Amino acid sequence: MAKAEQAGRWKQRRRTRQDILAAAAQLLKQGQRPSLEEIADAALVSRATAYRYFPNADALFVEAALEIEFPRIGDVLNGADDDPVQRVERVDTALHALIAENEVPLRLMLAGAIERRARGETGADLPVRQDRRTPMLEEALAPARASFKPADLKALTAALALIVGPEAMIVFRDVLRLDDAEAARVRRWAIRALIAAARRTPTGSG
């Protein structure tokens, strides 16, 4: 299968997963506690499709609740200038505020995704996580796009995605045993270092 076709299918599956999440979030906002079948109907997908992405309604509710609280990029970057460091730091601040307030459900969501993949319940071509951070980082870096080579910008976005997500929180707390203030300082240092490195143009880089 051609890479373009693979990428297209992946994006479509991610959109399908997002549609299911959005439908669940909307029903939860209305005060309902819907079944997975009712969520599938609201998302205009089959019951079987919904079960491909979520093993049960409880797993979907955990992520849908986070979807409701997830910060909107327009609010995060409102009033920011074009400096990529400032803009990415705003994304980091917003995401880690959400992470700090929702540590338990986030850990449950991560554990569920890892377990499903380990058990082989989902193939490599099916997203088990919703990538919300990459679009935020892309928007944060957009005004400075001309400052980077395309390949460097792509690598920078991927590297930053490792820092601003809940996985980083787990490493800081469980592995490095850093408090929140020290973890924030390390993240800010990494953000500045990565952006500075991506702006440089090493000899022979693409």
N, C-alpha and C. Protein backbone atom coordinates (compact mmCIF):
# COMPACT_ATOMS: atom_id res chain seq x y z
N MET A 1 0.84 -1.19 0.00
CA MET A 1 0.00 0.00 0.00
C MET A 1 0.88 1.25 0.00
N ALA A 2 0.56 2.23 -0.84
CA ALA A 2 1.35 3.45 -0.93
C ALA A 2 1.25 4.23 0.38
N LYS A 3 2.34 4.98 0.67
CA LYS A 3 2.36 5.74 1.92
C LYS A 3 1.22 6.75 1.98
N ALA A 4 0.92 7.39 0.84
CA ALA A 4 -0.16 8.37 0.82
C ALA A 4 -1.50 7.73 1.17
N GLU A 5 -1.71 6.53 0.65
CA GLU A 5 -2.96 5.82 0.94
C GLU A 5 -3.02 5.41 2.40
N GLN A 6 -1.89 4.94 2.94
CA GLN A 6 -1.84 4.58 4.36
C GLN A 6 -2.13 5.79 5.24
N ALA A 7 -1.51 6.93 4.89
CA ALA A 7 -1.73 8.14 5.66
C ALA A 7 -3.18 8.58 5.60
N GLY A 8 -3.78 8.44 4.42
CA GLY A 8 -5.18 8.82 4.27
C GLY A 8 -6.10 7.96 5.12
N ARG A 9 -5.83 6.67 5.15
CA ARG A 9 -6.66 5.77 5.97
C ARG A 9 -6.48 6.06 7.46
N TRP A 10 -5.25 6.33 7.85
CA TRP A 10 -4.99 6.65 9.26
C TRP A 10 -5.75 7.90 9.67
N LYS A 11 -5.72 8.92 8.82
CA LYS A 11 -6.43 10.16 9.14
C LYS A 11 -7.93 9.93 9.22
N GLN A 12 -8.45 9.10 8.30
CA GLN A 12 -9.88 8.80 8.33
C GLN A 12 -10.26 8.07 9.61
N ARG A 13 -9.44 7.12 10.03
CA ARG A 13 -9.73 6.39 11.26
C ARG A 13 -9.62 7.30 12.48
N ARG A 14 -8.69 8.21 12.45
CA ARG A 14 -8.59 9.16 13.55
C ARG A 14 -9.82 10.07 13.59
N ARG A 15 -10.31 10.48 12.41
CA ARG A 15 -11.52 11.29 12.37
C ARG A 15 -12.72 10.51 12.89
N THR A 16 -12.80 9.23 12.52
CA THR A 16 -13.89 8.40 13.02
C THR A 16 -13.86 8.31 14.53
N ARG A 17 -12.67 8.08 15.07
CA ARG A 17 -12.53 8.00 16.53
C ARG A 17 -12.93 9.32 17.17
N GLN A 18 -12.53 10.44 16.55
CA GLN A 18 -12.87 11.75 17.07
C GLN A 18 -14.38 11.98 17.03
N ASP A 19 -15.03 11.52 15.96
CA ASP A 19 -16.49 11.66 15.86
C ASP A 19 -17.20 10.91 16.99
N ILE A 20 -16.71 9.72 17.32
CA ILE A 20 -17.29 8.94 18.41
C ILE A 20 -17.09 9.67 19.74
N LEU A 21 -15.89 10.19 19.95
CA LEU A 21 -15.61 10.93 21.18
C LEU A 21 -16.48 12.17 21.29
N ALA A 22 -16.60 12.90 20.19
CA ALA A 22 -17.40 14.13 20.20
C ALA A 22 -18.86 13.83 20.50
N ALA A 23 -19.38 12.75 19.93
CA ALA A 23 -20.77 12.36 20.20
C ALA A 23 -20.96 12.01 21.67
N ALA A 24 -20.01 11.26 22.23
CA ALA A 24 -20.10 10.90 23.64
C ALA A 24 -20.02 12.14 24.53
N ALA A 25 -19.11 13.05 24.20
CA ALA A 25 -18.96 14.28 24.99
C ALA A 25 -20.24 15.10 24.95
N GLN A 26 -20.86 15.19 23.79
CA GLN A 26 -22.09 15.96 23.65
C GLN A 26 -23.22 15.36 24.49
N LEU A 27 -23.34 14.05 24.47
CA LEU A 27 -24.38 13.38 25.25
C LEU A 27 -24.12 13.53 26.75
N LEU A 28 -22.85 13.48 27.15
CA LEU A 28 -22.52 13.69 28.56
C LEU A 28 -22.86 15.11 29.00
N LYS A 29 -22.60 16.08 28.13
CA LYS A 29 -22.93 17.48 28.44
C LYS A 29 -24.42 17.65 28.67
N GLN A 30 -25.21 16.83 27.98
CA GLN A 30 -26.67 16.90 28.12
C GLN A 30 -27.17 16.16 29.35
N GLY A 31 -26.24 15.64 30.14
CA GLY A 31 -26.62 14.95 31.36
C GLY A 31 -27.00 13.50 31.18
N GLN A 32 -26.71 12.95 30.01
CA GLN A 32 -27.06 11.56 29.73
C GLN A 32 -25.92 10.63 30.12
N ARG A 33 -26.26 9.38 30.29
CA ARG A 33 -25.27 8.32 30.50
C ARG A 33 -25.54 7.25 29.44
N PRO A 34 -25.17 7.54 28.19
CA PRO A 34 -25.58 6.69 27.07
C PRO A 34 -24.83 5.37 27.02
N SER A 35 -25.43 4.42 26.34
CA SER A 35 -24.75 3.16 26.05
C SER A 35 -23.82 3.38 24.86
N LEU A 36 -22.93 2.44 24.63
CA LEU A 36 -22.04 2.55 23.48
C LEU A 36 -22.84 2.53 22.18
N GLU A 37 -23.94 1.79 22.17
CA GLU A 37 -24.79 1.73 20.98
C GLU A 37 -25.42 3.10 20.71
N GLU A 38 -25.87 3.79 21.75
CA GLU A 38 -26.47 5.11 21.58
C GLU A 38 -25.43 6.12 21.11
N ILE A 39 -24.22 5.99 21.61
CA ILE A 39 -23.14 6.87 21.16
C ILE A 39 -22.83 6.62 19.69
N ALA A 40 -22.79 5.35 19.30
CA ALA A 40 -22.54 5.01 17.90
C ALA A 40 -23.60 5.61 17.00
N ASP A 41 -24.86 5.54 17.41
CA ASP A 41 -25.95 6.13 16.62
C ASP A 41 -25.75 7.64 16.47
N ALA A 42 -25.38 8.30 17.58
CA ALA A 42 -25.18 9.75 17.53
C ALA A 42 -24.00 10.13 16.65
N ALA A 43 -23.00 9.25 16.59
CA ALA A 43 -21.81 9.52 15.78
C ALA A 43 -21.98 9.07 14.33
N LEU A 44 -23.14 8.45 14.04
CA LEU A 44 -23.43 7.95 12.68
C LEU A 44 -22.44 6.88 12.25
N VAL A 45 -22.09 6.01 13.19
CA VAL A 45 -21.25 4.86 12.87
C VAL A 45 -21.94 3.61 13.40
N SER A 46 -21.49 2.47 12.95
CA SER A 46 -22.09 1.22 13.40
C SER A 46 -21.63 0.88 14.82
N ARG A 47 -22.39 0.02 15.48
CA ARG A 47 -22.01 -0.46 16.80
C ARG A 47 -20.66 -1.16 16.74
N ALA A 48 -20.44 -1.95 15.70
CA ALA A 48 -19.17 -2.67 15.55
C ALA A 48 -18.00 -1.70 15.42
N THR A 49 -18.21 -0.60 14.69
CA THR A 49 -17.15 0.39 14.54
C THR A 49 -16.81 1.02 15.88
N ALA A 50 -17.82 1.36 16.66
CA ALA A 50 -17.57 1.95 17.97
C ALA A 50 -16.76 1.01 18.85
N TYR A 51 -17.08 -0.27 18.79
CA TYR A 51 -16.35 -1.25 19.61
C TYR A 51 -14.92 -1.47 19.11
N ARG A 52 -14.67 -1.19 17.86
CA ARG A 52 -13.29 -1.29 17.36
C ARG A 52 -12.39 -0.28 18.05
N TYR A 53 -12.95 0.90 18.34
CA TYR A 53 -12.14 1.97 18.91
C TYR A 53 -12.17 2.01 20.43
N PHE A 54 -13.27 1.55 21.02
CA PHE A 54 -13.42 1.60 22.48
C PHE A 54 -13.98 0.26 22.96
N PRO A 55 -13.33 -0.38 23.94
CA PRO A 55 -13.76 -1.71 24.38
C PRO A 55 -15.09 -1.71 25.11
N ASN A 56 -15.43 -0.57 25.74
CA ASN A 56 -16.68 -0.48 26.48
C ASN A 56 -17.02 0.99 26.70
N ALA A 57 -18.23 1.22 27.20
CA ALA A 57 -18.68 2.60 27.39
C ALA A 57 -17.87 3.31 28.46
N ASP A 58 -17.46 2.60 29.51
CA ASP A 58 -16.69 3.25 30.58
C ASP A 58 -15.38 3.84 30.07
N ALA A 59 -14.69 3.09 29.21
CA ALA A 59 -13.44 3.60 28.64
C ALA A 59 -13.70 4.85 27.81
N LEU A 60 -14.82 4.84 27.11
CA LEU A 60 -15.18 6.01 26.29
C LEU A 60 -15.55 7.19 27.17
N PHE A 61 -16.26 6.95 28.28
CA PHE A 61 -16.64 8.04 29.17
C PHE A 61 -15.42 8.74 29.77
N VAL A 62 -14.41 7.95 30.13
CA VAL A 62 -13.20 8.54 30.71
C VAL A 62 -12.58 9.53 29.73
N GLU A 63 -12.45 9.12 28.49
CA GLU A 63 -11.81 10.00 27.51
C GLU A 63 -12.73 11.13 27.08
N ALA A 64 -14.03 10.87 27.01
CA ALA A 64 -14.98 11.92 26.62
C ALA A 64 -15.01 13.04 27.65
N ALA A 65 -14.90 12.68 28.93
CA ALA A 65 -14.86 13.70 29.98
C ALA A 65 -13.63 14.59 29.82
N LEU A 66 -12.51 14.00 29.44
CA LEU A 66 -11.30 14.78 29.18
C LEU A 66 -11.48 15.64 27.93
N GLU A 67 -12.17 15.10 26.95
CA GLU A 67 -12.43 15.85 25.71
C GLU A 67 -13.19 17.14 26.01
N ILE A 68 -14.14 17.06 26.94
CA ILE A 68 -14.93 18.23 27.30
C ILE A 68 -14.04 19.31 27.91
N GLU A 69 -13.09 18.91 28.72
CA GLU A 69 -12.24 19.86 29.43
C GLU A 69 -11.01 20.30 28.64
N PHE A 70 -10.74 19.66 27.52
CA PHE A 70 -9.50 19.93 26.80
C PHE A 70 -9.45 21.38 26.35
N PRO A 71 -8.33 22.08 26.57
CA PRO A 71 -8.25 23.50 26.21
C PRO A 71 -8.31 23.71 24.71
N ARG A 72 -8.96 24.80 24.31
CA ARG A 72 -9.06 25.16 22.90
C ARG A 72 -7.88 26.04 22.52
N ILE A 73 -7.30 25.74 21.39
CA ILE A 73 -6.06 26.41 21.00
C ILE A 73 -6.25 27.91 20.83
N GLY A 74 -7.43 28.34 20.38
CA GLY A 74 -7.68 29.77 20.24
C GLY A 74 -7.60 30.49 21.57
N ASP A 75 -8.12 29.86 22.61
CA ASP A 75 -8.05 30.46 23.95
C ASP A 75 -6.62 30.44 24.48
N VAL A 76 -5.91 29.36 24.22
CA VAL A 76 -4.54 29.21 24.73
C VAL A 76 -3.61 30.27 24.14
N LEU A 77 -3.76 30.53 22.84
CA LEU A 77 -2.85 31.44 22.15
C LEU A 77 -3.39 32.86 22.01
N ASN A 78 -4.53 33.13 22.60
CA ASN A 78 -5.13 34.46 22.50
C ASN A 78 -4.18 35.52 23.08
N GLY A 79 -3.81 36.49 22.27
CA GLY A 79 -2.93 37.56 22.72
C GLY A 79 -1.45 37.26 22.63
N ALA A 80 -1.09 36.05 22.22
CA ALA A 80 0.33 35.69 22.11
C ALA A 80 0.95 36.33 20.87
N ASP A 81 2.24 36.64 20.95
CA ASP A 81 2.92 37.14 19.76
C ASP A 81 3.40 35.96 18.93
N ASP A 82 4.29 36.22 17.97
CA ASP A 82 4.72 35.17 17.05
C ASP A 82 5.91 34.35 17.56
N ASP A 83 6.42 34.66 18.73
CA ASP A 83 7.58 33.94 19.26
C ASP A 83 7.21 32.49 19.53
N PRO A 84 7.88 31.54 18.87
CA PRO A 84 7.49 30.13 19.04
C PRO A 84 7.71 29.61 20.46
N VAL A 85 8.73 30.11 21.15
CA VAL A 85 8.97 29.66 22.52
C VAL A 85 7.79 30.05 23.41
N GLN A 86 7.38 31.31 23.33
CA GLN A 86 6.25 31.76 24.14
C GLN A 86 4.99 30.98 23.82
N ARG A 87 4.76 30.74 22.55
CA ARG A 87 3.53 30.06 22.13
C ARG A 87 3.52 28.59 22.58
N VAL A 88 4.65 27.92 22.43
CA VAL A 88 4.72 26.52 22.87
C VAL A 88 4.63 26.44 24.39
N GLU A 89 5.23 27.39 25.09
CA GLU A 89 5.12 27.40 26.55
C GLU A 89 3.67 27.59 26.99
N ARG A 90 2.91 28.35 26.23
CA ARG A 90 1.48 28.49 26.55
C ARG A 90 0.75 27.16 26.38
N VAL A 91 1.08 26.45 25.32
CA VAL A 91 0.49 25.12 25.12
C VAL A 91 0.86 24.21 26.29
N ASP A 92 2.12 24.23 26.66
CA ASP A 92 2.59 23.40 27.77
C ASP A 92 1.85 23.73 29.06
N THR A 93 1.69 25.01 29.35
CA THR A 93 0.99 25.43 30.57
C THR A 93 -0.45 24.94 30.58
N ALA A 94 -1.13 25.11 29.45
CA ALA A 94 -2.54 24.70 29.37
C ALA A 94 -2.70 23.19 29.50
N LEU A 95 -1.85 22.45 28.81
CA LEU A 95 -1.97 20.99 28.85
C LEU A 95 -1.63 20.44 30.23
N HIS A 96 -0.61 20.98 30.86
CA HIS A 96 -0.24 20.43 32.16
C HIS A 96 -1.18 20.88 33.27
N ALA A 97 -1.90 21.98 33.08
CA ALA A 97 -2.97 22.31 34.02
C ALA A 97 -4.07 21.25 33.93
N LEU A 98 -4.41 20.87 32.70
CA LEU A 98 -5.41 19.81 32.50
C LEU A 98 -4.92 18.49 33.09
N ILE A 99 -3.66 18.17 32.83
CA ILE A 99 -3.08 16.91 33.32
C ILE A 99 -3.09 16.87 34.85
N ALA A 100 -2.71 17.97 35.49
CA ALA A 100 -2.67 18.01 36.95
C ALA A 100 -4.05 17.81 37.56
N GLU A 101 -5.07 18.34 36.89
CA GLU A 101 -6.43 18.26 37.42
C GLU A 101 -7.09 16.91 37.11
N ASN A 102 -6.51 16.16 36.19
CA ASN A 102 -7.14 14.91 35.75
C ASN A 102 -6.14 13.75 35.74
N GLU A 103 -5.26 13.73 36.72
CA GLU A 103 -4.19 12.72 36.71
C GLU A 103 -4.74 11.29 36.73
N VAL A 104 -5.71 11.02 37.58
CA VAL A 104 -6.23 9.65 37.69
C VAL A 104 -6.88 9.17 36.40
N PRO A 105 -7.85 9.92 35.83
CA PRO A 105 -8.44 9.44 34.57
C PRO A 105 -7.43 9.34 33.43
N LEU A 106 -6.45 10.23 33.42
CA LEU A 106 -5.43 10.15 32.37
C LEU A 106 -4.59 8.89 32.52
N ARG A 107 -4.23 8.55 33.74
CA ARG A 107 -3.47 7.32 33.96
C ARG A 107 -4.30 6.10 33.55
N LEU A 108 -5.59 6.12 33.87
CA LEU A 108 -6.46 5.01 33.48
C LEU A 108 -6.56 4.91 31.96
N MET A 109 -6.66 6.06 31.29
CA MET A 109 -6.76 6.06 29.84
C MET A 109 -5.48 5.51 29.21
N LEU A 110 -4.34 5.96 29.72
CA LEU A 110 -3.06 5.48 29.19
C LEU A 110 -2.90 3.98 29.44
N ALA A 111 -3.25 3.54 30.64
CA ALA A 111 -3.12 2.12 30.96
C ALA A 111 -4.01 1.28 30.06
N GLY A 112 -5.22 1.76 29.81
CA GLY A 112 -6.13 1.02 28.94
C GLY A 112 -5.61 0.91 27.52
N ALA A 113 -5.06 2.01 27.00
CA ALA A 113 -4.52 1.99 25.64
C ALA A 113 -3.33 1.04 25.53
N ILE A 114 -2.45 1.07 26.52
CA ILE A 114 -1.28 0.18 26.51
C ILE A 114 -1.72 -1.28 26.61
N GLU A 115 -2.69 -1.54 27.47
CA GLU A 115 -3.15 -2.91 27.66
C GLU A 115 -3.81 -3.46 26.39
N ARG A 116 -4.62 -2.65 25.74
CA ARG A 116 -5.28 -3.10 24.52
C ARG A 116 -4.25 -3.42 23.44
N ARG A 117 -3.24 -2.58 23.32
CA ARG A 117 -2.20 -2.83 22.32
C ARG A 117 -1.40 -4.07 22.68
N ALA A 118 -1.07 -4.24 23.95
CA ALA A 118 -0.28 -5.40 24.38
C ALA A 118 -1.04 -6.70 24.16
N ARG A 119 -2.34 -6.67 24.33
CA ARG A 119 -3.14 -7.87 24.14
C ARG A 119 -3.46 -8.15 22.67
N GLY A 120 -3.06 -7.23 21.81
CA GLY A 120 -3.34 -7.41 20.39
C GLY A 120 -4.79 -7.19 20.02
N GLU A 121 -5.52 -6.42 20.85
CA GLU A 121 -6.92 -6.17 20.58
C GLU A 121 -7.11 -5.16 19.46
N THR A 122 -6.07 -4.39 19.17
CA THR A 122 -6.13 -3.41 18.08
C THR A 122 -4.88 -3.57 17.23
N GLY A 123 -5.05 -3.41 15.94
CA GLY A 123 -3.92 -3.49 15.04
C GLY A 123 -3.14 -2.19 15.02
N ALA A 124 -1.97 -2.23 14.43
CA ALA A 124 -1.13 -1.04 14.36
C ALA A 124 -1.76 0.05 13.50
N ASP A 125 -2.75 -0.34 12.66
CA ASP A 125 -3.38 0.63 11.78
C ASP A 125 -4.59 1.30 12.42
N LEU A 126 -4.87 1.00 13.69
CA LEU A 126 -6.04 1.56 14.36
C LEU A 126 -5.59 2.43 15.53
N PRO A 127 -5.91 3.72 15.54
CA PRO A 127 -5.48 4.57 16.65
C PRO A 127 -6.16 4.21 17.96
N VAL A 128 -5.38 4.05 19.02
CA VAL A 128 -5.94 3.78 20.34
C VAL A 128 -5.89 5.03 21.22
N ARG A 129 -5.29 6.09 20.69
CA ARG A 129 -5.22 7.38 21.39
C ARG A 129 -5.61 8.46 20.40
N GLN A 130 -6.15 9.55 20.93
CA GLN A 130 -6.50 10.69 20.09
C GLN A 130 -5.37 11.70 20.19
N ASP A 131 -4.75 12.04 19.08
CA ASP A 131 -3.62 12.97 19.10
C ASP A 131 -4.14 14.40 19.12
N ARG A 132 -4.25 14.97 20.30
CA ARG A 132 -4.72 16.35 20.42
C ARG A 132 -3.56 17.35 20.50
N ARG A 133 -2.41 16.87 20.94
CA ARG A 133 -1.31 17.80 21.19
C ARG A 133 -0.65 18.28 19.90
N THR A 134 -0.55 17.40 18.89
CA THR A 134 0.14 17.79 17.66
C THR A 134 -0.52 18.96 16.96
N PRO A 135 -1.86 18.98 16.78
CA PRO A 135 -2.47 20.17 16.16
C PRO A 135 -2.22 21.45 16.96
N MET A 136 -2.18 21.34 18.28
CA MET A 136 -1.90 22.51 19.10
C MET A 136 -0.47 23.00 18.88
N LEU A 137 0.47 22.08 18.82
CA LEU A 137 1.86 22.45 18.59
C LEU A 137 2.05 23.03 17.19
N GLU A 138 1.38 22.45 16.22
CA GLU A 138 1.48 22.96 14.85
C GLU A 138 0.96 24.39 14.78
N GLU A 139 -0.13 24.66 15.47
CA GLU A 139 -0.68 26.02 15.49
C GLU A 139 0.26 26.97 16.23
N ALA A 140 0.85 26.50 17.30
CA ALA A 140 1.77 27.34 18.07
C ALA A 140 3.00 27.71 17.25
N LEU A 141 3.47 26.79 16.43
CA LEU A 141 4.69 27.02 15.63
C LEU A 141 4.40 27.68 14.29
N ALA A 142 3.14 27.78 13.91
CA ALA A 142 2.79 28.25 12.57
C ALA A 142 3.39 29.61 12.20
N PRO A 143 3.33 30.64 13.06
CA PRO A 143 3.89 31.94 12.65
C PRO A 143 5.39 31.91 12.38
N ALA A 144 6.10 30.95 12.96
CA ALA A 144 7.55 30.85 12.78
C ALA A 144 7.94 29.78 11.78
N ARG A 145 6.97 29.28 11.03
CA ARG A 145 7.22 28.17 10.11
C ARG A 145 8.40 28.45 9.18
N ALA A 146 8.51 29.69 8.70
CA ALA A 146 9.58 30.03 7.75
C ALA A 146 10.96 29.96 8.39
N SER A 147 11.03 29.90 9.71
CA SER A 147 12.32 29.84 10.40
C SER A 147 12.94 28.45 10.40
N PHE A 148 12.17 27.45 9.97
CA PHE A 148 12.63 26.07 10.04
C PHE A 148 12.56 25.41 8.66
N LYS A 149 13.48 24.49 8.42
CA LYS A 149 13.33 23.62 7.27
C LYS A 149 12.15 22.69 7.53
N PRO A 150 11.44 22.28 6.49
CA PRO A 150 10.27 21.41 6.69
C PRO A 150 10.57 20.16 7.51
N ALA A 151 11.68 19.49 7.22
CA ALA A 151 12.02 18.28 7.97
C ALA A 151 12.32 18.60 9.43
N ASP A 152 12.99 19.74 9.66
CA ASP A 152 13.30 20.13 11.04
C ASP A 152 12.03 20.50 11.80
N LEU A 153 11.09 21.16 11.13
CA LEU A 153 9.83 21.52 11.77
C LEU A 153 9.04 20.28 12.15
N LYS A 154 9.05 19.30 11.28
CA LYS A 154 8.35 18.04 11.57
C LYS A 154 8.98 17.34 12.77
N ALA A 155 10.32 17.29 12.79
CA ALA A 155 11.02 16.65 13.91
C ALA A 155 10.80 17.43 15.20
N LEU A 156 10.81 18.75 15.11
CA LEU A 156 10.59 19.59 16.28
C LEU A 156 9.21 19.34 16.88
N THR A 157 8.20 19.30 16.02
CA THR A 157 6.84 19.07 16.50
C THR A 157 6.72 17.73 17.20
N ALA A 158 7.35 16.70 16.63
CA ALA A 158 7.32 15.37 17.25
C ALA A 158 8.05 15.37 18.59
N ALA A 159 9.20 16.05 18.64
CA ALA A 159 9.98 16.09 19.89
C ALA A 159 9.22 16.82 20.99
N LEU A 160 8.58 17.93 20.62
CA LEU A 160 7.81 18.68 21.61
C LEU A 160 6.62 17.87 22.12
N ALA A 161 6.05 17.04 21.24
CA ALA A 161 4.91 16.22 21.64
C ALA A 161 5.27 15.25 22.76
N LEU A 162 6.54 14.88 22.84
CA LEU A 162 6.99 13.99 23.91
C LEU A 162 7.02 14.71 25.26
N ILE A 163 7.12 16.02 25.23
CA ILE A 163 7.33 16.81 26.45
C ILE A 163 6.03 17.31 27.05
N VAL A 164 5.06 17.66 26.21
CA VAL A 164 3.88 18.37 26.71
C VAL A 164 2.72 17.44 27.05
N GLY A 165 2.88 16.14 26.92
CA GLY A 165 1.79 15.21 27.18
C GLY A 165 1.83 14.57 28.55
N PRO A 166 0.82 13.75 28.87
CA PRO A 166 0.77 13.10 30.18
C PRO A 166 1.88 12.10 30.42
N GLU A 167 2.46 11.56 29.35
CA GLU A 167 3.57 10.62 29.51
C GLU A 167 4.74 11.28 30.23
N ALA A 168 4.99 12.56 29.91
CA ALA A 168 6.07 13.28 30.58
C ALA A 168 5.79 13.42 32.07
N MET A 169 4.53 13.68 32.40
CA MET A 169 4.16 13.79 33.82
C MET A 169 4.49 12.50 34.57
N ILE A 170 4.20 11.36 33.95
CA ILE A 170 4.47 10.08 34.60
C ILE A 170 5.97 9.88 34.81
N VAL A 171 6.77 10.24 33.82
CA VAL A 171 8.23 10.11 33.96
C VAL A 171 8.74 11.02 35.07
N PHE A 172 8.30 12.27 35.06
CA PHE A 172 8.76 13.22 36.07
C PHE A 172 8.40 12.74 37.49
N ARG A 173 7.19 12.26 37.66
CA ARG A 173 6.73 11.89 39.00
C ARG A 173 7.20 10.51 39.42
N ASP A 174 7.00 9.53 38.56
CA ASP A 174 7.23 8.14 38.96
C ASP A 174 8.68 7.70 38.81
N VAL A 175 9.37 8.24 37.82
CA VAL A 175 10.74 7.81 37.54
C VAL A 175 11.76 8.79 38.13
N LEU A 176 11.61 10.06 37.80
CA LEU A 176 12.60 11.05 38.24
C LEU A 176 12.30 11.63 39.62
N ARG A 177 11.07 11.44 40.09
CA ARG A 177 10.66 11.92 41.41
C ARG A 177 10.84 13.43 41.55
N LEU A 178 10.46 14.16 40.51
CA LEU A 178 10.55 15.62 40.54
C LEU A 178 9.19 16.19 40.93
N ASP A 179 9.21 17.30 41.68
CA ASP A 179 7.94 17.95 41.99
C ASP A 179 7.49 18.75 40.77
N ASP A 180 6.27 19.28 40.85
CA ASP A 180 5.68 19.94 39.68
C ASP A 180 6.49 21.16 39.23
N ALA A 181 7.00 21.92 40.19
CA ALA A 181 7.76 23.13 39.84
C ALA A 181 9.05 22.78 39.11
N GLU A 182 9.76 21.78 39.60
CA GLU A 182 11.01 21.37 38.94
C GLU A 182 10.72 20.75 37.58
N ALA A 183 9.65 19.98 37.49
CA ALA A 183 9.27 19.39 36.20
C ALA A 183 8.96 20.47 35.19
N ALA A 184 8.28 21.53 35.62
CA ALA A 184 7.96 22.63 34.72
C ALA A 184 9.23 23.31 34.23
N ARG A 185 10.20 23.49 35.13
CA ARG A 185 11.47 24.11 34.72
C ARG A 185 12.18 23.25 33.68
N VAL A 186 12.17 21.95 33.88
CA VAL A 186 12.82 21.06 32.92
C VAL A 186 12.11 21.11 31.57
N ARG A 187 10.78 21.11 31.59
CA ARG A 187 10.04 21.18 30.33
C ARG A 187 10.34 22.47 29.59
N ARG A 188 10.39 23.59 30.30
CA ARG A 188 10.67 24.88 29.65
C ARG A 188 12.09 24.89 29.08
N TRP A 189 13.03 24.32 29.81
CA TRP A 189 14.40 24.23 29.30
C TRP A 189 14.41 23.41 28.01
N ALA A 190 13.71 22.29 28.00
CA ALA A 190 13.68 21.42 26.83
C ALA A 190 13.00 22.11 25.65
N ILE A 191 11.93 22.84 25.91
CA ILE A 191 11.24 23.56 24.83
C ILE A 191 12.18 24.56 24.18
N ARG A 192 12.87 25.35 25.00
CA ARG A 192 13.80 26.35 24.45
C ARG A 192 14.94 25.68 23.69
N ALA A 193 15.48 24.60 24.25
CA ALA A 193 16.60 23.91 23.61
C ALA A 193 16.20 23.29 22.28
N LEU A 194 15.03 22.68 22.23
CA LEU A 194 14.58 22.03 20.99
C LEU A 194 14.30 23.05 19.90
N ILE A 195 13.66 24.16 20.26
CA ILE A 195 13.37 25.18 19.25
C ILE A 195 14.67 25.80 18.74
N ALA A 196 15.61 26.06 19.64
CA ALA A 196 16.91 26.61 19.22
C ALA A 196 17.63 25.64 18.30
N ALA A 197 17.59 24.36 18.63
CA ALA A 197 18.27 23.36 17.80
C ALA A 197 17.63 23.26 16.43
N ALA A 198 16.32 23.34 16.36
CA ALA A 198 15.63 23.23 15.08
C ALA A 198 15.88 24.44 14.19
N ARG A 199 16.18 25.58 14.80
CA ARG A 199 16.45 26.79 14.02
C ARG A 199 17.83 26.75 13.39
N ARG A 200 18.73 25.98 13.98
CA ARG A 200 20.06 25.86 13.39
C ARG A 200 19.98 24.97 12.15
N THR A 201 20.90 25.15 11.25
CA THR A 201 20.91 24.37 10.01
C THR A 201 22.23 23.64 9.90
N PRO A 202 22.36 22.46 10.47
CA PRO A 202 23.62 21.72 10.39
C PRO A 202 23.98 21.39 8.95
N THR A 203 25.25 21.31 8.69
CA THR A 203 25.71 20.95 7.36
C THR A 203 25.19 19.57 6.98
N GLY A 204 24.61 19.50 5.78
CA GLY A 204 24.12 18.23 5.27
C GLY A 204 22.73 17.87 5.72
N SER A 205 22.07 18.75 6.48
CA SER A 205 20.70 18.43 6.91
C SER A 205 19.75 18.60 5.75
N GLY A 206 18.60 17.89 5.83
CA GLY A 206 17.65 17.91 4.74
C GLY A 206 16.77 19.12 4.76
